Every structure is written in structure tokens, then in C-alpha cells.
Protein backbone atom coordinates (compact mmCIF):
# COMPACT_ATOMS: atom_id res chain seq x y z
CA MET A 1 0.00 0.00 0.00
CA ARG A 2 0.75 1.54 1.08
CA THR A 3 2.46 4.65 0.83
CA ALA A 4 -2.72 8.47 4.49
CA THR A 5 -6.26 8.97 4.03
CA ARG A 6 -7.83 12.34 4.74
CA VAL A 7 -11.35 13.05 5.83
CA THR A 8 -11.98 16.72 5.14
CA GLY A 9 -13.29 19.18 7.66
CA ALA A 10 -16.74 19.00 6.07
CA VAL A 11 -16.81 15.28 6.67
CA ALA A 12 -15.30 15.20 10.14
CA VAL A 13 -17.59 14.92 13.15
CA VAL A 14 -16.13 17.02 15.95
CA VAL A 15 -16.61 15.55 19.41
CA THR A 16 -14.90 15.80 22.75
CA LEU A 17 -12.70 12.94 23.87
CA ALA A 18 -15.03 12.32 26.83
CA VAL A 19 -17.94 11.73 24.46
CA VAL A 20 -15.69 9.63 22.21
CA THR A 21 -14.82 7.26 25.02
CA ALA A 22 -18.36 6.97 26.28
CA ALA A 23 -19.52 6.06 22.79
CA CYS A 24 -17.08 3.16 22.67
CA SER A 25 -17.83 1.41 25.95
CA SER A 26 -21.04 1.32 27.86
CA GLY A 27 -20.62 2.20 31.49
CA ALA A 28 -17.19 3.76 30.97
CA THR A 29 -16.23 6.56 33.27
CA GLY A 30 -13.37 7.78 31.11
CA SER A 31 -10.81 6.40 28.68
CA GLY A 32 -8.58 5.17 31.49
CA GLY A 33 -11.37 3.09 33.06
CA SER A 34 -13.03 1.63 29.95
CA GLU A 35 -12.15 -1.43 27.92
CA VAL A 36 -11.22 0.76 24.98
CA VAL A 37 -7.68 0.51 23.63
CA ARG A 38 -6.02 3.91 23.13
CA ALA A 39 -3.58 3.86 20.21
CA SER A 40 -1.48 6.38 18.29
CA TRP A 41 -2.51 7.31 14.75
CA GLY A 42 -2.22 9.93 12.02
CA ASP A 43 -4.98 11.58 9.99
CA PRO A 44 -5.61 9.74 6.71
CA GLN A 45 -5.34 11.45 3.34
CA HIS A 46 -8.62 10.61 1.58
CA PRO A 47 -12.14 9.65 2.64
CA LEU A 48 -12.28 6.03 3.78
CA GLU A 49 -13.42 4.34 0.59
CA PRO A 50 -11.76 0.93 0.21
CA ALA A 51 -10.69 1.57 -3.38
CA ASN A 52 -9.43 5.05 -2.56
CA THR A 53 -6.92 4.28 0.20
CA ASN A 54 -3.37 3.18 -0.56
CA GLU A 55 -1.44 4.25 2.52
CA VAL A 56 -0.83 3.16 6.09
CA GLN A 57 -3.02 5.38 8.27
CA GLY A 58 -6.20 4.96 6.25
CA GLY A 59 -5.37 1.31 5.66
CA LYS A 60 -5.11 0.75 9.40
CA VAL A 61 -8.77 1.78 9.78
CA LEU A 62 -9.99 -0.19 6.77
CA ASP A 63 -8.31 -3.29 8.22
CA MET A 64 -10.49 -2.83 11.30
CA ILE A 65 -13.86 -2.10 9.67
CA PHE A 66 -13.76 -4.39 6.61
CA ARG A 67 -13.19 -8.01 5.70
CA GLY A 68 -12.84 -9.15 2.10
CA LEU A 69 -12.96 -12.55 0.48
CA LYS A 70 -9.57 -13.24 2.05
CA ARG A 71 -7.72 -11.91 5.08
CA TYR A 72 -4.05 -12.21 5.94
CA ASP A 73 -3.10 -14.39 8.88
CA PRO A 74 -1.59 -12.01 11.48
CA ARG A 75 1.25 -14.41 12.27
CA THR A 76 2.26 -15.70 8.83
CA GLY A 77 0.87 -13.09 6.46
CA LYS A 78 -0.62 -15.86 4.31
CA ALA A 79 -4.00 -15.35 2.65
CA VAL A 80 -6.82 -17.35 4.29
CA ASP A 81 -10.53 -17.38 3.50
CA ALA A 82 -12.66 -14.76 5.24
CA VAL A 83 -16.00 -13.97 3.56
CA ALA A 84 -15.15 -16.50 0.85
CA GLU A 85 -16.20 -20.08 1.37
CA SER A 86 -14.33 -21.03 -1.78
CA ILE A 87 -12.62 -19.53 -4.85
CA GLU A 88 -12.36 -22.13 -7.60
CA THR A 89 -10.76 -22.19 -11.04
CA GLU A 90 -9.76 -24.76 -13.60
CA ASP A 91 -7.79 -22.51 -15.94
CA GLN A 92 -6.33 -19.70 -13.72
CA ARG A 93 -8.51 -17.22 -15.64
CA ASN A 94 -12.15 -18.00 -14.83
CA PHE A 95 -12.98 -18.05 -11.12
CA THR A 96 -16.16 -18.94 -9.23
CA VAL A 97 -16.52 -17.27 -5.84
CA THR A 98 -18.87 -18.65 -3.20
CA LEU A 99 -19.52 -16.65 -0.03
CA ARG A 100 -19.99 -18.01 3.45
CA LYS A 101 -23.47 -17.83 4.93
CA GLY A 102 -24.48 -15.27 7.52
CA TRP A 103 -22.11 -12.35 6.89
CA GLU A 104 -23.56 -8.93 7.67
CA PHE A 105 -22.45 -5.33 7.60
CA SER A 106 -22.41 -3.43 10.87
CA ASP A 107 -25.79 -1.88 9.99
CA GLY A 108 -27.32 -5.38 9.91
CA THR A 109 -27.71 -5.63 6.12
CA PRO A 110 -26.42 -8.80 4.43
CA VAL A 111 -23.09 -9.15 2.62
CA THR A 112 -23.97 -10.61 -0.77
CA ALA A 113 -22.27 -11.34 -4.07
CA GLU A 114 -23.70 -8.03 -5.27
CA SER A 115 -21.88 -6.26 -2.39
CA PHE A 116 -18.57 -7.31 -3.94
CA VAL A 117 -19.45 -6.90 -7.61
CA ASP A 118 -20.93 -3.42 -7.11
CA ALA A 119 -17.94 -2.33 -4.99
CA TRP A 120 -15.41 -3.58 -7.54
CA ASN A 121 -17.23 -1.94 -10.43
CA TYR A 122 -17.35 1.32 -8.48
CA GLY A 123 -13.64 1.11 -7.69
CA ALA A 124 -12.70 0.46 -11.30
CA LEU A 125 -14.83 3.17 -12.98
CA VAL A 126 -12.54 5.98 -14.07
CA THR A 127 -15.03 8.76 -13.30
CA ASN A 128 -15.04 7.76 -9.62
CA ASN A 129 -11.33 8.70 -9.35
CA GLN A 130 -10.34 5.86 -7.04
CA VAL A 131 -6.58 5.61 -6.48
CA ASN A 132 -6.73 1.81 -6.26
CA SER A 133 -8.65 1.33 -9.51
CA TYR A 134 -5.45 -0.21 -10.85
CA PHE A 135 -6.04 -3.32 -8.75
CA PHE A 136 -9.01 -4.27 -10.94
CA GLN A 137 -7.07 -4.11 -14.20
CA TYR A 138 -6.95 -7.89 -14.66
CA ILE A 139 -10.73 -8.24 -14.69
CA GLU A 140 -12.13 -8.48 -18.20
CA GLY A 141 -13.82 -5.25 -19.23
CA TYR A 142 -11.59 -3.03 -17.11
CA ASP A 143 -10.45 -1.10 -20.19
CA ASP A 144 -14.07 -0.25 -20.98
CA VAL A 145 -14.72 1.33 -17.59
CA HIS A 146 -11.22 2.74 -17.21
CA PRO A 147 -9.80 3.72 -20.64
CA GLU A 148 -6.04 4.11 -20.79
CA GLU A 149 -6.08 7.45 -22.61
CA GLU A 150 -6.19 10.35 -20.17
CA GLY A 151 -9.49 12.21 -20.29
CA ALA A 152 -11.25 9.54 -22.34
CA GLU A 153 -14.83 8.68 -21.37
CA PRO A 154 -15.68 5.11 -20.32
CA THR A 155 -17.72 3.07 -22.79
CA ALA A 156 -19.27 1.01 -19.99
CA ARG A 157 -20.04 1.45 -16.31
CA THR A 158 -19.50 -2.15 -15.24
CA MET A 159 -16.85 -4.74 -16.06
CA SER A 160 -17.99 -7.56 -18.32
CA GLY A 161 -15.87 -10.04 -16.36
CA LEU A 162 -18.06 -9.84 -13.24
CA LYS A 163 -21.34 -11.77 -13.09
CA VAL A 164 -23.64 -12.26 -10.10
CA LYS A 165 -25.13 -15.78 -10.10
CA ASP A 166 -27.08 -15.63 -6.83
CA ASP A 167 -26.82 -14.00 -3.40
CA ARG A 168 -23.78 -16.07 -2.47
CA THR A 169 -22.11 -16.70 -5.81
CA PHE A 170 -20.41 -14.62 -8.48
CA THR A 171 -17.95 -15.33 -11.27
CA VAL A 172 -14.85 -13.46 -12.35
CA ARG A 173 -13.21 -13.70 -15.75
CA LEU A 174 -9.74 -12.18 -16.01
CA ASN A 175 -8.29 -10.80 -19.23
CA GLN A 176 -5.26 -13.08 -18.84
CA LYS A 177 -4.16 -15.92 -16.61
CA PHE A 178 -3.18 -14.79 -13.12
CA SER A 179 -2.47 -17.76 -10.93
CA GLN A 180 -1.90 -15.74 -7.77
CA TRP A 181 -4.98 -13.54 -8.14
CA PRO A 182 -6.92 -15.11 -5.24
CA GLN A 183 -4.01 -14.33 -2.90
CA THR A 184 -4.45 -10.60 -3.57
CA LEU A 185 -8.06 -10.51 -2.41
CA GLY A 186 -7.32 -9.67 1.22
CA TYR A 187 -6.30 -6.19 0.13
CA ASN A 188 -8.79 -3.51 1.11
CA ALA A 189 -9.53 -2.39 -2.45
CA TYR A 190 -11.49 -5.64 -2.84
CA ALA A 191 -13.70 -5.08 0.22
CA PRO A 192 -17.51 -5.25 -0.21
CA LEU A 193 -19.73 -2.18 0.12
CA PRO A 194 -23.28 -2.06 1.53
CA LYS A 195 -26.29 -0.72 -0.35
CA ALA A 196 -26.16 2.38 1.87
CA PHE A 197 -22.95 3.46 0.12
CA PHE A 198 -24.64 3.59 -3.27
CA GLU A 199 -27.88 5.11 -1.95
CA ASP A 200 -26.17 8.07 -0.23
CA ARG A 201 -22.40 8.08 -0.63
CA GLU A 202 -21.89 11.40 1.17
CA ALA A 203 -23.80 10.22 4.22
CA TRP A 204 -21.85 6.95 4.18
CA LEU A 205 -18.52 8.81 4.03
CA ARG A 206 -19.45 10.77 7.15
CA LYS A 207 -19.73 7.47 9.01
CA PRO A 208 -18.48 4.49 6.97
CA VAL A 209 -20.24 1.15 7.42
CA GLY A 210 -18.22 -2.02 6.90
CA ASN A 211 -18.33 -5.73 7.72
CA GLY A 212 -15.21 -5.99 9.89
CA PRO A 213 -14.69 -6.59 13.61
CA TYR A 214 -15.09 -2.88 14.43
CA LYS A 215 -17.40 -0.04 13.43
CA ILE A 216 -16.65 3.69 13.38
CA ASP A 217 -18.46 5.78 15.98
CA SER A 218 -16.93 9.21 15.34
CA TYR A 219 -13.99 11.08 13.84
CA ALA A 220 -12.63 14.51 14.67
CA ARG A 221 -9.84 15.42 12.28
CA GLY A 222 -6.64 16.28 14.11
CA GLN A 223 -7.95 14.72 17.32
CA SER A 224 -9.16 11.13 17.20
CA MET A 225 -11.29 8.43 15.66
CA THR A 226 -13.28 6.08 17.87
CA LEU A 227 -14.34 2.59 16.92
CA SER A 228 -16.43 0.10 18.88
CA ARG A 229 -16.79 -3.64 18.57
CA ASN A 230 -19.09 -4.72 15.74
CA GLU A 231 -21.60 -7.04 17.37
CA ASN A 232 -22.79 -8.19 13.91
CA TYR A 233 -19.33 -9.40 12.92
CA SER A 234 -19.39 -12.88 11.41
CA GLY A 235 -15.67 -13.64 11.30
CA GLU A 236 -13.59 -15.78 13.60
CA ASP A 237 -11.26 -12.97 14.72
CA LYS A 238 -13.73 -11.14 16.95
CA ALA A 239 -12.49 -8.21 19.04
CA ARG A 240 -11.40 -9.04 22.59
CA ASN A 241 -11.92 -5.45 23.68
CA GLU A 242 -14.82 -3.00 23.60
CA GLY A 243 -13.23 -0.74 21.00
CA VAL A 244 -10.28 1.38 19.93
CA GLU A 245 -9.61 5.10 20.20
CA LEU A 246 -7.11 6.17 17.54
CA LYS A 247 -5.51 9.37 18.84
CA VAL A 248 -3.88 11.68 16.30
CA TYR A 249 -0.24 12.60 16.91
CA THR A 250 1.92 14.75 14.66
CA ASP A 251 5.05 13.92 16.68
CA SER A 252 5.98 10.34 17.58
CA ASN A 253 7.98 11.61 20.57
CA THR A 254 4.79 13.04 22.07
CA ALA A 255 3.05 9.71 21.58
CA TYR A 256 5.94 7.90 23.26
CA THR A 257 5.81 10.30 26.22
CA ASP A 258 2.07 9.71 26.56
CA LEU A 259 2.68 5.95 26.45
CA GLN A 260 5.17 6.17 29.30
CA ALA A 261 2.78 8.38 31.27
CA GLY A 262 -0.09 5.89 30.89
CA ASN A 263 -2.16 8.17 28.65
CA LEU A 264 -1.81 5.82 25.68
CA ASP A 265 -1.99 2.02 25.44
CA VAL A 266 -0.31 1.27 22.11
CA ALA A 267 2.21 3.25 20.08
CA ASP A 268 3.37 1.55 16.88
CA ASP A 269 5.83 4.26 15.89
CA ILE A 270 8.65 4.25 18.43
CA PRO A 271 10.89 7.31 17.83
CA ALA A 272 14.36 6.47 16.58
CA SER A 273 15.86 8.38 19.49
CA GLN A 274 14.09 6.03 21.93
CA LEU A 275 14.81 2.67 20.28
CA LYS A 276 18.02 2.08 22.20
CA ASN A 277 16.27 2.24 25.56
CA ALA A 278 12.66 1.36 24.70
CA GLU A 279 12.66 -2.13 26.16
CA ARG A 280 14.10 -0.86 29.45
CA ASP A 281 11.90 2.25 29.55
CA LEU A 282 8.77 0.18 28.97
CA ASN A 283 9.71 -2.66 31.33
CA GLY A 284 9.78 -5.18 28.50
CA ARG A 285 6.48 -4.05 26.96
CA TYR A 286 8.19 -3.62 23.60
CA VAL A 287 7.69 -5.37 20.25
CA ASN A 288 10.40 -5.59 17.56
CA GLN A 289 9.66 -7.99 14.72
CA PRO A 290 10.30 -8.26 10.94
CA ALA A 291 7.66 -6.72 8.69
CA GLY A 292 6.96 -6.38 5.01
CA ILE A 293 8.23 -2.81 4.86
CA LEU A 294 10.94 -1.33 2.66
CA GLN A 295 12.26 2.23 2.74
CA THR A 296 13.51 3.71 -0.51
CA LEU A 297 14.39 7.07 -2.00
CA SER A 298 12.64 7.85 -5.27
CA PHE A 299 13.56 10.27 -8.02
CA PRO A 300 11.11 12.42 -10.02
CA LEU A 301 11.84 10.92 -13.43
CA TYR A 302 9.14 13.17 -14.88
CA ARG A 303 11.67 16.03 -14.58
CA GLU A 304 14.13 16.42 -17.45
CA GLU A 305 17.21 16.74 -15.24
CA TRP A 306 16.65 13.20 -13.89
CA GLN A 307 16.23 11.57 -17.31
CA GLY A 308 18.77 9.82 -19.53
CA GLU A 309 21.93 7.77 -19.08
CA ARG A 310 23.96 10.53 -17.40
CA ALA A 311 21.26 11.04 -14.77
CA ARG A 312 21.19 7.29 -14.16
CA LYS A 313 24.89 7.40 -13.29
CA VAL A 314 24.20 10.21 -10.85
CA ARG A 315 21.46 8.15 -9.20
CA GLN A 316 23.81 5.19 -8.89
CA GLY A 317 26.49 7.44 -7.42
CA ILE A 318 24.10 8.84 -4.83
CA SER A 319 23.14 5.30 -3.82
CA MET A 320 26.79 4.36 -3.32
CA ALA A 321 27.32 7.52 -1.25
CA ILE A 322 24.84 6.35 1.41
CA ASP A 323 26.41 4.45 4.30
CA ARG A 324 23.40 2.28 5.12
CA GLN A 325 25.18 0.12 7.68
CA ARG A 326 26.37 3.07 9.75
CA ILE A 327 23.01 4.83 9.61
CA THR A 328 20.96 1.79 10.64
CA GLU A 329 23.33 0.90 13.48
CA ARG A 330 23.51 4.41 14.94
CA ILE A 331 19.87 5.39 14.57
CA TYR A 332 17.79 2.22 14.56
CA HIS A 333 19.49 -0.22 16.95
CA GLY A 334 18.52 -3.52 15.38
CA THR A 335 15.20 -2.43 13.87
CA ARG A 336 16.47 -1.82 10.33
CA ILE A 337 18.64 -3.91 7.98
CA PRO A 338 20.44 -2.41 4.94
CA ALA A 339 18.47 -3.35 1.83
CA THR A 340 20.05 -5.28 -1.01
CA ASP A 341 16.92 -5.74 -3.14
CA LEU A 342 13.47 -4.17 -3.59
CA THR A 343 11.39 -6.71 -1.64
CA SER A 344 11.48 -7.85 2.00
CA PRO A 345 13.05 -10.76 3.89
CA VAL A 346 9.59 -11.69 5.20
CA LEU A 347 8.85 -13.15 1.76
CA GLY A 348 11.71 -15.62 2.10
CA PRO A 349 13.72 -16.89 -0.91
CA ASP A 350 10.82 -19.03 -2.13
CA GLY A 351 8.56 -15.98 -2.11
CA GLY A 352 10.92 -13.76 -4.08
CA TYR A 353 13.33 -12.16 -1.60
CA ALA A 354 16.75 -12.04 -3.28
CA GLU A 355 19.54 -10.99 -0.92
CA GLY A 356 22.31 -9.11 -2.73
CA LEU A 357 20.41 -8.63 -6.01
CA CYS A 358 21.21 -4.90 -6.00
CA GLY A 359 24.95 -5.69 -6.02
CA ARG A 360 27.49 -2.92 -5.63
CA THR A 361 24.88 -0.25 -6.42
CA CYS A 362 23.58 -0.68 -2.85
CA ALA A 363 27.04 -0.91 -1.26
CA TYR A 364 28.82 2.06 0.29
CA ALA A 365 31.66 2.98 -2.10
CA PRO A 366 32.73 6.64 -1.74
CA GLU A 367 35.32 6.75 -4.51
CA ARG A 368 33.10 5.07 -7.09
CA ALA A 369 30.19 7.27 -5.98
CA ARG A 370 32.18 10.43 -6.67
CA ARG A 371 33.34 9.11 -10.04
CA LEU A 372 29.85 8.18 -11.21
CA ILE A 373 28.39 11.53 -10.17
CA GLU A 374 31.17 13.33 -12.03
CA GLU A 375 30.66 11.15 -15.12
CA GLY A 376 26.97 12.03 -14.98
CA GLY A 377 27.72 15.74 -15.06
CA GLY A 378 27.37 16.35 -11.34
CA LEU A 379 24.31 16.84 -9.20
CA PRO A 380 21.45 18.59 -11.06
CA GLY A 381 21.82 22.31 -10.39
CA GLY A 382 24.85 21.60 -8.20
CA SER A 383 22.86 20.22 -5.24
CA ILE A 384 19.95 17.95 -4.39
CA THR A 385 17.12 17.97 -1.88
CA LEU A 386 15.74 15.09 0.17
CA THR A 387 12.05 15.38 1.08
CA SER A 388 9.74 13.57 3.46
CA ASN A 389 7.00 14.21 5.96
CA VAL A 390 8.39 14.50 9.47
CA ASP A 391 5.27 13.97 11.61
CA THR A 392 5.61 10.18 11.82
CA GLY A 393 8.29 7.55 11.50
CA SER A 394 11.21 9.45 13.07
CA HIS A 395 12.13 10.45 9.55
CA ARG A 396 14.08 13.61 10.32
CA GLN A 397 16.97 11.72 11.92
CA TRP A 398 17.66 9.45 8.98
CA LEU A 399 17.00 12.19 6.41
CA ASP A 400 19.78 14.22 8.00
CA ALA A 401 22.01 11.15 8.21
CA VAL A 402 21.57 10.33 4.51
CA CYS A 403 22.30 13.89 3.45
CA ASN A 404 25.33 14.01 5.75
CA SER A 405 26.62 10.80 4.19
CA VAL A 406 26.28 12.21 0.68
CA ASN A 407 27.83 15.52 1.73
CA ASN A 408 30.80 13.78 3.32
CA VAL A 409 31.46 11.71 0.21
CA LEU A 410 31.30 14.77 -2.03
CA ASP A 411 33.14 16.98 0.49
CA ASP A 412 30.39 19.59 0.16
CA ASN A 413 28.10 20.47 3.08
CA ASP A 414 25.53 21.94 0.68
CA ALA A 415 25.43 19.05 -1.81
CA CYS A 416 22.36 17.51 -0.14
CA ARG A 417 19.78 19.35 1.93
CA VAL A 418 16.67 18.12 3.73
CA ARG A 419 13.35 19.70 2.75
CA PRO A 420 10.83 18.56 5.38
CA VAL A 421 7.04 18.56 4.97
CA GLY A 422 4.97 18.94 8.12
CA THR A 423 2.32 16.24 7.67
CA PHE A 424 1.98 12.99 5.80
CA ALA A 425 -1.25 14.16 4.13
CA ASP A 426 0.46 17.28 2.75
CA TYR A 427 3.45 15.22 1.67
CA ARG A 428 1.30 12.75 -0.26
CA ARG A 429 -0.58 15.61 -1.88
CA ASP A 430 2.69 17.09 -3.17
CA ILE A 431 3.77 13.70 -4.54
CA ALA A 432 0.42 13.10 -6.25
CA ALA A 433 0.69 16.54 -7.88
CA LYS A 434 4.16 15.60 -9.18
CA GLU A 435 5.75 18.59 -7.49
CA MET A 436 8.94 16.80 -6.38
CA LYS A 437 12.23 18.22 -7.65
CA GLY A 438 14.75 16.01 -5.89
CA MET A 439 14.86 12.75 -3.95
CA PHE A 440 11.83 11.86 -1.84
CA ARG A 441 11.04 9.12 0.65
CA ALA A 442 8.95 6.30 -0.77
CA GLY A 443 8.40 3.78 2.01
CA TRP A 444 6.37 0.73 1.01
CA GLN A 445 4.30 -1.48 3.27
CA MET A 446 3.15 -4.57 1.42
CA ASP A 447 -0.54 -4.99 0.67
CA TYR A 448 -0.17 -8.75 0.42
CA PRO A 449 2.85 -11.05 0.78
CA LEU A 450 3.75 -11.52 -2.90
CA ILE A 451 6.85 -10.31 -4.76
CA GLN A 452 4.43 -8.89 -7.34
CA ASN A 453 3.23 -6.36 -4.76
CA PHE A 454 6.72 -4.96 -4.21
CA LEU A 455 7.21 -4.39 -7.93
CA GLN A 456 4.10 -3.89 -10.04
CA PRO A 457 2.27 -1.13 -8.08
CA LEU A 458 5.51 0.90 -7.84
CA TYR A 459 7.26 0.46 -11.18
CA TYR A 460 4.77 -0.74 -13.81
CA THR A 461 3.96 2.03 -16.28
CA ASP A 462 1.27 4.35 -14.85
CA ALA A 463 0.68 2.06 -11.86
CA SER A 464 -1.23 3.47 -8.90
CA SER A 465 1.82 4.01 -6.65
CA ASN A 466 4.38 4.70 -9.38
CA ASP A 467 5.26 8.09 -7.91
CA SER A 468 8.57 8.42 -9.76
CA GLY A 469 6.99 8.21 -13.21
CA TYR A 470 9.19 5.24 -14.17
CA SER A 471 8.37 3.35 -17.35
CA SER A 472 10.06 0.35 -18.98
CA GLU A 473 8.51 -1.81 -21.68
CA GLU A 474 10.88 -4.63 -20.81
CA PHE A 475 9.88 -4.54 -17.14
CA ASP A 476 6.16 -4.38 -17.98
CA GLU A 477 6.42 -7.38 -20.31
CA LEU A 478 8.21 -9.45 -17.67
CA VAL A 479 5.57 -8.58 -15.07
CA ASP A 480 2.80 -9.64 -17.43
CA ARG A 481 4.58 -12.95 -18.05
CA ALA A 482 5.14 -13.52 -14.34
CA ASN A 483 1.49 -12.94 -13.51
CA ALA A 484 0.45 -15.60 -16.00
CA ALA A 485 2.94 -18.16 -14.64
CA ASP A 486 2.60 -20.52 -11.69
CA GLY A 487 4.53 -20.71 -8.40
CA PRO A 488 8.34 -20.88 -8.69
CA GLU A 489 8.29 -19.91 -12.37
CA ALA A 490 6.41 -16.69 -11.55
CA VAL A 491 8.87 -15.82 -8.77
CA GLY A 492 11.83 -16.33 -11.11
CA ILE A 493 10.37 -14.04 -13.76
CA PHE A 494 9.61 -11.37 -11.18
CA ARG A 495 13.26 -11.53 -10.08
CA GLU A 496 14.32 -10.86 -13.68
CA ALA A 497 11.93 -7.90 -13.77
CA GLN A 498 13.42 -6.58 -10.55
CA LYS A 499 16.90 -6.62 -12.09
CA ILE A 500 15.64 -4.19 -14.75
CA VAL A 501 14.44 -1.75 -12.09
CA LEU A 502 17.67 -2.01 -10.10
CA GLN A 503 19.64 -1.29 -13.24
CA ASP A 504 17.55 1.79 -14.11
CA LEU A 505 17.31 2.80 -10.43
CA PRO A 506 14.20 5.00 -10.28
CA ALA A 507 14.38 4.37 -6.52
CA ILE A 508 17.29 3.63 -4.18
CA PRO A 509 16.76 0.75 -1.72
CA LEU A 510 17.68 1.92 1.78
CA TRP A 511 16.69 -0.62 4.44
CA TYR A 512 14.22 -3.29 5.40
CA GLN A 513 12.14 -2.16 8.35
CA ASN A 514 11.04 -4.10 11.40
CA GLY A 515 7.77 -3.28 13.05
CA THR A 516 8.16 -1.73 16.50
CA ALA A 517 5.59 -0.94 19.15
CA GLY A 518 5.29 -0.22 22.83
CA TYR A 519 2.32 -0.81 25.07
CA SER A 520 1.11 0.08 28.55
CA ASP A 521 0.60 -2.20 31.54
CA ARG A 522 -3.13 -1.67 31.05
CA VAL A 523 -3.26 -4.04 28.04
CA LYS A 524 -2.02 -7.49 27.07
CA GLY A 525 -1.82 -9.59 23.91
CA VAL A 526 -0.15 -6.83 21.90
CA ARG A 527 1.61 -7.93 18.74
CA LEU A 528 2.08 -6.77 15.17
CA ASN A 529 1.06 -8.56 12.02
CA ALA A 530 3.34 -9.10 9.02
CA PHE A 531 2.38 -5.63 7.81
CA SER A 532 3.61 -3.97 11.03
CA VAL A 533 0.07 -3.07 12.13
CA PRO A 534 -1.17 -3.87 15.66
CA VAL A 535 -3.56 -6.81 15.78
CA PHE A 536 -6.20 -4.76 17.57
CA THR A 537 -8.70 -7.61 17.82
CA ASP A 538 -6.29 -9.60 20.02
CA ILE A 539 -5.59 -6.82 22.52
CA GLU A 540 -7.24 -7.22 25.90
CA VAL A 541 -7.66 -4.46 28.48
CA ALA A 542 -6.64 -5.53 31.97
């Protein structure tokens, strides 16, 4: 995904925190005495439509209020059936989906085959401007509802590849073989939508209704969102608490201080400055585990100064000027590992992780870095900028460290400068508007545990999260071949596609990221899933 969903002021429902807490737990006398879990959060970027959220903060909420055909096991990350009773195919192209009996939305209306088909058609239709429309591209008829030419009108409003058979059955015909397609269906873009969404979308956006273990009670932008347990939830992973209060923080240090003071129960963004002492400070209430997260630095290839062979040499030189080992050791204390490919170790070798695939391009080599940058004509304009939001993720520390590393290699204190952006929402808006001039952070949290997800959404031509503007016919062709192949063959082809990206280097791999979290003595059962998100349903309030 995930690269933060915003609900605008017109949509937000402003409430006091006292009312928020009371709404979540009957009989509560305040957030400290209720069975509501208080967790750190950041305002999302877009309204909470499943097909319009492709980043962490909004995705965190969608994971709580929706369940799709599949869900991802919180321990292994593997796709397991959720609403689906079965997904069958004989040719890897035509699929029959059968739903389990008894699923309902939180408003008590049934989850039917139509709930999925209508939601997918809505997400794919170009005029609805959904950022995740790309995920429906393999369904036959997608080109009719989402023409490739910019500004072109759709010739249909629904995809021909989707057919409702009865309340519990629908069929899907893809436009090519895609053996791993069922494994993608735990991603939130594929979530069902209730009839209420289509009857009054604006009213639904003010208080989204889903079919997950929680339901939204209220949201005050810049303050908090409150969710309570969905008593109509039909899944096996029912919430073990009364609800969750997601409290907005623009500074992870403030969240950490509140955690230590007992004003917060879960913080899943431990500041880099606190990592060294977190386990001691929190009396062992600290989680540090591998996650499907990769940090990279992207380049705006849509700008002329970053195009061509000479610019590619400069990008390679910048990569070699970054001392990843030193930065991760000094700042992250065992929670980051220098990256040597564009995937994640959580995939394992059989799943596509390829240690060392980046070769010397990802190794610290000051002399070669200087030579390549010189051969490329020097830094564009004589200096470069490094941009990221600084409200979450302890980004400022490593941004400075990366620029210092480049400056030291080039013996120029002004060669690289940090250009911070205050909030994640503003940062994503700048990226979407293609306003980047220099390097910018492009962290990626996997949507599902497939090598395809680390490559296609980011580097396929015009893909939904291709923020650099990268395009390669050779890469695209290999991805198409890989998607049509089975198992080990598909993984091997994806590795060949990854080599193309690493050679062109639209993005520099930095480090693989562990998930970290701290929790209060008020809760137990805190852990992170393979996506580095707290498993809120498992948390119990003491």
C-alpha cells in the first residue's frame, strides 16, 4: 500500500474525547477506566473508501472495519478465507466465488455477491477517481470502464468479467491468466460495500459502514477516531476489547511520552531516538519484529534533469554515497537492515526475496560514488534535496544522516539538503501533484505477501503508486509474463523484472524495516502482524 487517508473538515464529526470514550464502551467513566484501547494514529489522506486508500493510516482503519474474500493471517501473512467459502478455477482465468453464509455489515444488512461486484465496479470506474482502480485491471472489461487514454470517457459502467449468479455466488473472468490472483483478495480495495454506500455516498462517508470486527463511531480530524466492537461481525477474529480510540499525533515523541505516562496504550511508531532504551523504559512491553516494509528514496523521473543515461549514473552514485550500515546501526538499533533488493526478507527466498540482487549499487563505495556523479555531469543544479514528511516515523533523523553521508562523500556540506514537509497528508498531496524536484522518501508497506506487490504497483507504467513516473517496456512485459505463470516460475520471472528496475534505479533501496511498538501495563496480547500493524482484535484491556 501503502504509501494516508484524509477526511476533510466538512466530513469530520467534531466531538470531545469524553464523548468519544463513552460512545465506545457502555458504562465507561473515562478512557482510562473503559475497555477501549487507546492507540497512536495519524490523519488519513482521503475519505475512507476501500478503493481510494493506498497508505498506512487509512489502511489501518480499513483493516479494522472491513473483511474481504480473504484476510491475511496475522502471524504468517498468508491469505486465508474470510468472507469466501471457496474460490475455484480450472484454468487460472475463470474463477467462481462462493460466499460463506451469515455475513452482515455493521448496519445489519447482508453481505452478498452483489456487495462485492458493485464495490469492484465502483472502484474500477474511471469517473469515480479511485486511487486503487489499478487493482481491478486484470478483470475483463476493465479497459471499458477505465480507458487508458487520459481524459477519455468510459464506454461502460461495469466490467464484463463480473457476473452475479445468486446472493452467495459470483464469477470473475480475467483478461489473462493470473495464478496468484486469489491471494491478492485480502487487500482492502477488494472489500464489499453495503447498499447504503450507493444510496447516499456522502452520508456513508461521514460514518463508513463495513463488515469488519469494528465499526466507526466518530472522527474529529486532528484529534481522534473512535471505533467500537461490531456485534454483527461474522468472522472468527472477533475483538477481545470494547473498541479502539485512535488518537492523532503529529510527533511520535509526544506519543511515546504519553505511552510512558499511561495516557496511551499502544504506540506503533517508536521514535528512533528512543529505540536504544525502549525495552528498558517500557519494562519489557516492547515489540520488535520483521515486517513487510521497505524504505527507498525515489527520483522524479518526470523532470528532465533526472532523465537519460547521465542522470542514471548520478542516481547510482548517490546510492553508493549512502552508508546504510552506519546509519541503521547508529539510529535504529537492530530495527532496520540495509536493503540489497526491492522486496522484503519476510517473503523468504521461495517468495521472491533475493539478498544481494542490488549488487554494488547498494554498497557504500565513496570513490566510485564520486566518479559516477562526475561522469553524470554532477548533481542537477549543483545540489539535491531530500524530502519527506516528518510527523511520523522518526524520519528527520535518517534524512539528516543520509544527506550528511552524501555531503561527506562529495566533500560539500551543501550538496544535499533536507526539505521537510509537516504532515503525511500534505506530503502525499505534493507527490500526487508531481511537485517533487529532488529525492523523496517512498516507504512501502506490502498490501499482500507476494513479490508482485513490491514491484508492479511501484514500477509498472502508470501504476497506482508509481510516484517516480518510471516506465520500462521490458519490465512491464516481464511482469505480465510472471502474472500468467505458476509458483516458482512466476517468482523467477519477477526476479528478472526486478533486475531491470535495479539497473535503471528509479528508486534507491535503503533498508528493510522491522515493526516496533510499545504498550502500557493496562493491556495485554499486543503484537504486530506481518504488515507492522497492531492486531487490535487480540488486545485485551486488563
